[in-house]
Protein backbone atom coordinates (compact mmCIF):
# COMPACT_ATOMS: atom_id res chain seq x y z
CA UNK A 1 -54.93 44.43 12.04
CA UNK A 2 -51.94 42.36 12.21
CA UNK A 3 -48.57 43.73 12.93
CA UNK A 4 -46.75 44.65 9.74
CA UNK A 5 -44.29 41.61 9.98
CA UNK A 6 -47.18 39.20 10.03
CA UNK A 7 -49.06 40.51 7.11
CA UNK A 8 -49.42 37.84 4.28
CA UNK A 9 -47.74 38.48 0.93
CA UNK A 10 -51.06 38.24 -1.04
CA UNK A 11 -52.47 41.15 1.13
CA UNK A 12 -49.23 43.13 0.31
CA UNK A 13 -49.75 42.60 -3.16
CA UNK A 14 -53.34 43.53 -3.02
CA UNK A 15 -52.52 46.83 -1.24
CA UNK A 16 -50.26 47.71 -4.15
CA UNK A 17 -53.03 46.85 -6.70
CA UNK A 18 -55.57 48.86 -4.70
CA UNK A 19 -53.49 51.92 -4.84
CA UNK A 20 -53.42 52.03 -8.65
CA UNK A 21 -56.98 53.17 -8.62
CA UNK A 22 -57.70 54.71 -5.16
CA UNK A 23 -56.47 57.48 -2.90
CA UNK A 24 -55.81 55.30 0.25
CA UNK A 25 -52.05 56.02 0.47
CA UNK A 26 -52.65 57.88 3.69
CA UNK A 27 -55.14 55.22 5.09
CA UNK A 28 -52.64 52.40 4.60
CA UNK A 29 -49.67 54.38 6.05
CA UNK A 30 -51.69 55.11 9.20
CA UNK A 31 -52.50 51.48 9.54
CA UNK A 32 -48.94 50.24 9.37
CA UNK A 33 -47.60 53.12 11.49
CA UNK A 34 -50.12 52.36 14.27
CA UNK A 35 -49.26 48.78 14.19
CA UNK A 36 -45.43 49.40 14.37
CA UNK A 37 -43.25 49.94 17.53
CA UNK A 38 -40.13 51.92 17.06
CA UNK A 39 -38.48 49.43 19.61
CA UNK A 40 -39.09 46.62 17.18
CA UNK A 41 -36.42 46.62 14.50
CA UNK A 42 -38.32 43.88 12.55
CA UNK A 43 -41.60 45.83 12.61
CA UNK A 44 -39.90 49.26 11.47
CA UNK A 45 -38.05 47.26 8.59
CA UNK A 46 -41.33 45.64 7.30
CA UNK A 47 -43.26 48.94 7.85
CA UNK A 48 -40.72 51.00 5.80
CA UNK A 49 -40.53 48.11 3.14
CA UNK A 50 -44.35 48.36 2.74
CA UNK A 51 -44.31 52.05 2.34
CA UNK A 52 -41.37 51.96 0.01
CA UNK A 53 -43.31 49.60 -2.29
CA UNK A 54 -46.17 52.09 -2.24
CA UNK A 55 -44.20 55.17 -2.85
CA UNK A 56 -42.13 53.42 -5.63
CA UNK A 57 -45.02 52.57 -7.45
CA UNK A 58 -46.42 56.13 -7.16
CA UNK A 59 -43.02 57.54 -8.31
CA UNK A 60 -43.04 55.35 -11.38
CA UNK A 61 -46.61 56.81 -12.29
CA UNK A 62 -45.40 60.41 -11.62
CA UNK A 63 -42.54 59.52 -13.97
CA UNK A 64 -44.99 58.32 -16.62
CA UNK A 65 -46.85 61.63 -16.17
CA UNK A 66 -43.72 63.61 -17.20
CA UNK A 67 -43.63 61.71 -20.42
CA UNK A 68 -47.41 62.45 -21.35
CA UNK A 69 -48.27 65.49 -23.60
CA UNK A 70 -48.46 68.88 -21.95
CA UNK A 71 -52.25 69.11 -22.51
CA UNK A 72 -53.03 65.62 -21.30
CA UNK A 73 -54.50 65.12 -17.80
CA UNK A 74 -51.92 63.69 -15.33
CA UNK A 75 -52.58 60.15 -14.12
CA UNK A 76 -51.24 60.35 -10.46
CA UNK A 77 -50.01 63.72 -9.42
CA UNK A 78 -53.20 64.33 -7.30
CA UNK A 79 -53.05 61.08 -5.26
CA UNK A 80 -50.41 61.87 -2.67
CA UNK A 81 -50.98 65.58 -2.73
CA UNK A 82 -54.65 65.99 -2.27
CA UNK A 83 -55.61 63.30 0.52
CA UNK A 84 -52.27 62.36 2.15
CA UNK A 85 -52.04 63.24 6.01
CA UNK A 86 -48.49 64.77 5.92
CA UNK A 87 -48.80 65.85 9.61
CA UNK A 88 -49.39 62.27 10.65
CA UNK A 89 -46.52 61.11 8.46
CA UNK A 90 -44.06 63.55 9.81
CA UNK A 91 -44.98 62.70 13.42
CA UNK A 92 -44.28 59.21 12.48
CA UNK A 93 -40.94 59.94 10.87
CA UNK A 94 -40.01 62.17 13.90
CA UNK A 95 -40.63 59.07 16.13
CA UNK A 96 -38.13 57.10 14.02
CA UNK A 97 -35.55 59.76 14.06
CA UNK A 98 -35.86 60.32 17.79
CA UNK A 99 -34.78 56.51 18.11
CA UNK A 100 -31.40 55.47 19.53
CA UNK A 101 -31.34 52.39 17.60
CA UNK A 102 -28.83 52.46 14.68
CA UNK A 103 -30.70 50.30 12.28
CA UNK A 104 -33.94 52.32 12.87
CA UNK A 105 -32.13 55.48 12.07
CA UNK A 106 -30.34 54.05 8.97
CA UNK A 107 -33.69 52.86 7.68
CA UNK A 108 -35.56 56.09 8.27
CA UNK A 109 -32.73 58.00 6.58
CA UNK A 110 -32.66 55.80 3.69
CA UNK A 111 -36.40 55.83 3.18
CA UNK A 112 -36.71 59.67 3.24
CA UNK A 113 -33.60 59.78 1.07
CA UNK A 114 -35.31 57.75 -1.51
CA UNK A 115 -38.67 59.21 -1.66
CA UNK A 116 -38.20 63.01 -0.63
CA UNK A 117 -39.06 64.05 -4.08
CA UNK A 118 -42.73 62.86 -3.56
CA UNK A 119 -43.27 65.69 -1.20
CA UNK A 120 -45.17 68.80 -2.48
CA UNK A 121 -42.78 71.88 -2.07
CA UNK A 122 -44.60 73.38 1.06
CA UNK A 123 -44.68 70.00 2.78
CA UNK A 124 -40.98 69.37 2.00
CA UNK A 125 -40.37 72.62 3.79
CA UNK A 126 -42.25 71.46 6.75
CA UNK A 127 -40.19 68.24 6.81
CA UNK A 128 -37.08 70.37 6.72
CA UNK A 129 -38.16 72.49 9.73
CA UNK A 130 -39.01 69.19 11.60
CA UNK A 131 -35.52 67.89 10.95
CA UNK A 132 -33.78 71.33 11.80
CA UNK A 133 -35.73 71.48 15.04
CA UNK A 134 -35.59 68.00 16.25
CA UNK A 135 -32.59 65.94 15.26
CA UNK A 136 -30.22 67.64 12.79
CA UNK A 137 -27.19 68.22 15.11
CA UNK A 138 -27.73 64.89 17.08
CA UNK A 139 -27.68 62.80 13.78
CA UNK A 140 -24.95 64.87 12.01
CA UNK A 141 -22.82 64.24 14.95
CA UNK A 142 -23.93 60.81 15.71
CA UNK A 143 -21.59 58.34 17.31
CA UNK A 144 -22.07 55.65 14.58
CA UNK A 145 -20.18 56.48 11.30
CA UNK A 146 -22.92 54.68 9.41
CA UNK A 147 -25.67 57.10 10.69
CA UNK A 148 -23.55 60.07 10.07
CA UNK A 149 -23.11 58.98 6.49
CA UNK A 150 -26.63 58.33 5.66
CA UNK A 151 -27.82 61.43 7.42
CA UNK A 152 -25.04 63.46 5.55
CA UNK A 153 -26.42 62.29 2.29
CA UNK A 154 -29.99 63.02 3.34
CA UNK A 155 -29.03 66.57 4.53
CA UNK A 156 -26.70 67.56 1.65
CA UNK A 157 -28.39 65.89 -1.25
CA UNK A 158 -32.02 66.12 -0.19
CA UNK A 159 -32.99 68.62 2.54
CA UNK A 160 -30.63 71.45 1.59
CA UNK A 161 -31.84 71.22 -2.07
CA UNK A 162 -35.20 71.79 -3.80
CA UNK A 163 -37.31 68.72 -4.40
CA UNK A 164 -36.47 66.95 -7.69
CA UNK A 165 -33.29 69.11 -8.23
CA UNK A 166 -31.41 65.95 -9.18
CA UNK A 167 -33.96 65.04 -11.90
CA UNK A 168 -32.73 65.68 -15.45
CA UNK A 169 -34.87 68.15 -17.25
CA UNK A 170 -35.03 69.88 -20.54
CA UNK A 171 -34.64 73.63 -20.86
CA UNK A 172 -38.36 73.75 -21.63
CA UNK A 173 -39.26 72.23 -18.34
CA UNK A 174 -39.58 74.50 -15.40
CA UNK A 175 -37.07 74.48 -12.63
CA UNK A 176 -37.91 73.10 -9.15
CA UNK A 177 -39.21 75.71 -6.68
CA UNK A 178 -36.39 76.92 -4.34
CA UNK A 179 -36.33 76.10 -0.62
CA UNK A 180 -37.72 78.81 1.63
CA UNK A 181 -34.89 81.56 2.28
CA UNK A 182 -35.62 81.38 6.13
CA UNK A 183 -34.89 77.56 5.94
CA UNK A 184 -31.89 78.18 3.85
CA UNK A 185 -30.43 80.41 6.53
CA UNK A 186 -31.06 77.80 9.16
CA UNK A 187 -29.20 75.25 7.12
CA UNK A 188 -26.40 77.77 6.80
CA UNK A 189 -26.32 78.34 10.50
CA UNK A 190 -26.10 74.68 11.26
CA UNK A 191 -23.26 74.22 8.78
CA UNK A 192 -21.36 77.15 10.42
CA UNK A 193 -22.06 75.54 13.75
CA UNK A 194 -20.63 72.28 12.68
CA UNK A 195 -17.51 73.95 11.31
CA UNK A 196 -16.98 75.82 14.61
CA UNK A 197 -17.27 72.54 16.63
CA UNK A 198 -14.88 70.92 14.31
CA UNK A 199 -12.36 73.74 14.77
CA UNK A 200 -12.68 73.50 18.47
CA UNK A 201 -11.94 69.91 18.40
CA UNK A 202 -8.75 70.33 16.63
CA UNK A 203 -5.38 71.19 18.53
CA UNK A 204 -4.82 74.84 19.13
CA UNK A 205 -2.43 75.43 16.08
CA UNK A 206 -4.57 73.81 13.60
CA UNK A 207 -7.64 75.31 15.06
CA UNK A 208 -6.39 78.79 14.49
CA UNK A 209 -5.14 77.94 11.01
CA UNK A 210 -8.65 76.48 10.12
CA UNK A 211 -10.47 79.54 11.46
CA UNK A 212 -8.21 81.73 9.37
CA UNK A 213 -8.84 79.71 6.29
CA UNK A 214 -12.60 80.07 6.74
CA UNK A 215 -12.48 83.73 7.75
CA UNK A 216 -14.51 83.08 10.88
CA UNK A 217 -13.96 84.15 14.39
CA UNK A 218 -13.91 81.71 16.99
CA UNK A 219 -17.52 80.96 18.21
CA UNK A 220 -18.46 80.77 22.03
CA UNK A 221 -19.24 77.36 23.68
CA UNK A 222 -22.68 76.12 22.56
CA UNK A 223 -23.53 73.96 25.58
CA UNK A 224 -22.84 70.68 27.26
CA UNK A 225 -24.55 68.45 24.78
CA UNK A 226 -22.60 69.91 21.78
CA UNK A 227 -19.40 69.45 23.79
CA UNK A 228 -20.42 65.71 24.31
CA UNK A 229 -20.86 65.24 20.48
CA UNK A 230 -17.72 67.42 19.53
CA UNK A 231 -15.40 64.48 19.11
CA UNK A 232 -17.29 63.46 15.89
CA UNK A 233 -17.40 66.93 14.48
CA UNK A 234 -14.25 66.83 12.49
CA UNK A 235 -15.28 63.65 10.63
CA UNK A 236 -18.82 64.90 10.10
CA UNK A 237 -17.47 68.19 8.71
CA UNK A 238 -15.09 66.15 6.31
CA UNK A 239 -18.08 64.15 4.95
CA UNK A 240 -20.35 67.44 4.73
CA UNK A 241 -17.70 69.14 2.48
CA UNK A 242 -17.14 65.93 0.42
CA UNK A 243 -20.87 65.63 -0.22
CA UNK A 244 -21.17 69.39 -0.99
CA UNK A 245 -18.57 68.95 -3.68
CA UNK A 246 -20.44 66.00 -5.14
CA UNK A 247 -23.56 68.12 -5.08
CA UNK A 248 -21.69 70.80 -6.96
CA UNK A 249 -20.46 68.38 -9.61
CA UNK A 250 -23.89 66.86 -10.06
CA UNK A 251 -25.46 70.35 -10.53
CA UNK A 252 -22.78 71.27 -13.08
CA UNK A 253 -23.28 68.06 -14.98
CA UNK A 254 -27.01 68.35 -15.08
CA UNK A 255 -26.85 71.81 -16.35
CA UNK A 256 -24.52 70.65 -19.19
CA UNK A 257 -26.87 67.76 -19.91
CA UNK A 258 -29.71 70.13 -19.98
CA UNK A 259 -28.34 72.38 -22.55
CA UNK A 260 -27.05 69.56 -24.54
CA UNK A 261 -23.57 70.46 -24.03
CA UNK A 262 -22.62 66.94 -22.84
CA UNK A 263 -23.13 63.52 -24.53
CA UNK A 264 -22.73 61.62 -21.08
CA UNK A 265 -25.64 60.20 -19.40
CA UNK A 266 -27.18 62.58 -16.62
CA UNK A 267 -25.83 62.02 -13.14
CA UNK A 268 -27.81 60.30 -10.45
CA UNK A 269 -27.68 60.59 -6.79
CA UNK A 270 -25.08 58.51 -4.98
CA UNK A 271 -26.07 55.06 -3.52
CA UNK A 272 -26.01 54.65 0.19
CA UNK A 273 -23.35 52.23 1.47
CA UNK A 274 -23.62 50.39 4.57
CA UNK A 275 -20.87 48.36 6.43
CA UNK A 276 -22.38 45.23 7.57
CA UNK A 277 -20.26 45.20 10.57
CA UNK A 278 -22.14 47.62 12.24
CA UNK A 279 -25.14 45.34 12.46
CA UNK A 280 -24.44 43.79 15.83
CA UNK A 281 -26.82 40.63 15.55
CA UNK A 282 -27.22 37.85 12.79
CA UNK A 283 -30.93 38.46 13.11
CA UNK A 284 -30.49 42.17 12.38
CA UNK A 285 -28.48 41.32 9.17
CA UNK A 286 -31.38 38.89 7.92
CA UNK A 287 -33.92 41.62 8.53
CA UNK A 288 -31.95 44.36 6.62
CA UNK A 289 -30.95 42.28 3.69
CA UNK A 290 -33.83 39.82 3.06
CA UNK A 291 -36.84 41.70 4.30
CA UNK A 292 -36.32 45.13 3.39
CA UNK A 293 -36.86 46.15 -0.14
CA UNK A 294 -34.91 49.28 0.88
CA UNK A 295 -31.82 47.19 1.42
CA UNK A 296 -31.78 46.48 -2.34
CA UNK A 297 -30.73 50.13 -2.90
CA UNK A 298 -27.74 49.88 -0.65
CA UNK A 299 -24.18 48.64 -1.30
CA UNK A 300 -23.13 46.41 1.43
CA UNK A 301 -19.38 46.26 2.16
């Protein structure tokens, strides 16, 4: 097969039509991943663009299922769940998240931020574990402010919460399954580690004041790698706390809407925002804006 950037548009349209009546999501994802190099930004952009179109179509069909009568058979739910090779997909995403290229990381974060709800609960926990073990600290404290922002949105509003937590639901609809307690504890430990690093980066007087405010003793040094990332810890912690507040407000507003106590429209997840000045090459700007359907969900500043 051709590399993803060379696929003809009619072939892309055919793939979307094919997925309306088949269970080939896993096969197509394997094809484009195998033909994609993590070192080729254009290929990564096109690959995630294709996958986005396939997953968006599936998401729309799942939303239609929610509107069907309870005794009616679902149209689409078994498609991704019964035949999809999640282990392969997770390995592919891990390769993208291991990249040092800012645009690759931004695109990977945005793709998972947009489509995380499609993962079954037990597979979502595996994705969370993959992120915790592989790249959480590195991306949370990344030198690029854009990467820190995209990953913080993914972490606070997706990974730390149950799948579909932000989907408005009526009181009669079941609540989403909670995240495994062991994974919750790992996220809490990561948040505590970030707070500790941020305190260590402050001047002595402010550090002591911050420790007293949080009621936590000073933590021991956690290694050379963390010391190298420490200069970004304060900014990362401020962003984490800001998004945590956004999440609390969303949870409150969703609860009010569900009980009929609010006439306002239910809240939706924040839109990711990207400063185009971080795109070093004009070619990269063209790839992001013109070739990536994912880019249509981003506010460029």
